[in-house]
Amino acid sequence: METLKVMLVYPSGFNIETKDIQLNQTELIGMMLSNKVGSEGNYFTIKDKIYEDTKDGYVITIILENQN
């Protein structure tokens, strides 16, 4: 099954800025339908989603914010 590149963008002040992951279609749909994203031992809410086509293929950027 084909995978898509997904870039997670963490909130300012977190110990890392971004993380690139590869997700298949089922995993990506699950993430997009979720209210929270667990990563690096923390939970975040999705602030924004950006879908773009690039010369290397498609990239989805998920901008995370601290969970309230």
Protein backbone atom coordinates (compact mmCIF):
# COMPACT_ATOMS: atom_id res chain seq x y z
CA MET A 1 0.00 0.00 0.00
CA GLU A 2 1.30 3.45 -0.94
CA THR A 3 2.27 5.85 1.83
CA LEU A 4 2.08 9.61 2.06
CA LYS A 5 4.59 11.92 3.68
CA VAL A 6 3.11 13.68 6.70
CA MET A 7 4.95 16.46 8.50
CA LEU A 8 3.95 17.11 12.11
CA VAL A 9 4.63 20.68 13.23
CA TYR A 10 4.82 20.94 17.02
CA PRO A 11 3.82 23.96 19.13
CA SER A 12 6.51 26.54 19.91
CA GLY A 13 8.41 25.69 23.06
CA PHE A 14 8.20 21.91 22.49
CA ASN A 15 11.53 20.04 22.41
CA ILE A 16 11.32 19.38 18.64
CA GLU A 17 9.95 21.58 15.85
CA THR A 18 8.90 19.08 13.19
CA LYS A 19 8.77 15.36 12.52
CA ASP A 20 8.33 13.62 9.15
CA ILE A 21 6.38 10.36 9.14
CA GLN A 22 5.03 8.06 6.44
CA LEU A 23 1.39 6.96 6.75
CA ASN A 24 -0.73 4.71 4.59
CA GLN A 25 -4.20 5.86 3.60
CA THR A 26 -5.94 4.08 6.50
CA GLU A 27 -3.57 5.56 9.09
CA LEU A 28 -3.92 9.03 7.59
CA ILE A 29 -7.72 8.88 7.64
CA GLY A 30 -7.60 7.74 11.26
CA MET A 31 -5.38 10.68 12.19
CA MET A 32 -7.55 13.20 10.33
CA LEU A 33 -10.71 11.95 12.05
CA SER A 34 -9.16 12.03 15.52
CA ASN A 35 -9.63 14.89 17.96
CA LYS A 36 -6.19 14.34 19.51
CA VAL A 37 -2.81 13.20 18.22
CA GLY A 38 -0.40 11.33 20.48
CA SER A 39 3.26 11.92 19.67
CA GLU A 40 6.54 12.03 21.58
CA GLY A 41 4.73 10.97 24.79
CA ASN A 42 2.29 13.91 24.68
CA TYR A 43 -1.17 14.58 23.29
CA PHE A 44 -1.94 17.49 20.97
CA THR A 45 -4.98 18.83 19.13
CA ILE A 46 -4.85 19.51 15.40
CA LYS A 47 -4.83 23.25 14.76
CA ASP A 48 -4.59 23.16 10.96
CA LYS A 49 -4.04 20.78 8.02
CA ILE A 50 -2.29 21.66 4.77
CA TYR A 51 -2.28 19.45 1.67
CA GLU A 52 0.19 20.32 -1.07
CA ASP A 53 1.60 18.77 -4.20
CA THR A 54 5.34 19.09 -4.65
CA LYS A 55 7.81 17.92 -7.27
CA ASP A 56 8.49 14.89 -5.03
CA GLY A 57 4.83 13.98 -4.53
CA TYR A 58 2.15 14.94 -2.06
CA VAL A 59 2.87 16.27 1.43
CA ILE A 60 0.40 16.74 4.24
CA THR A 61 1.36 19.13 7.03
CA ILE A 62 -0.41 18.77 10.38
CA ILE A 63 0.04 21.77 12.69
CA LEU A 64 -0.35 20.73 16.31
CA GLU A 65 -1.19 22.78 19.39
CA ASN A 66 -1.02 21.97 23.07
CA GLN A 67 -4.04 20.20 24.39
CA ASN A 68 -6.20 22.39 26.64
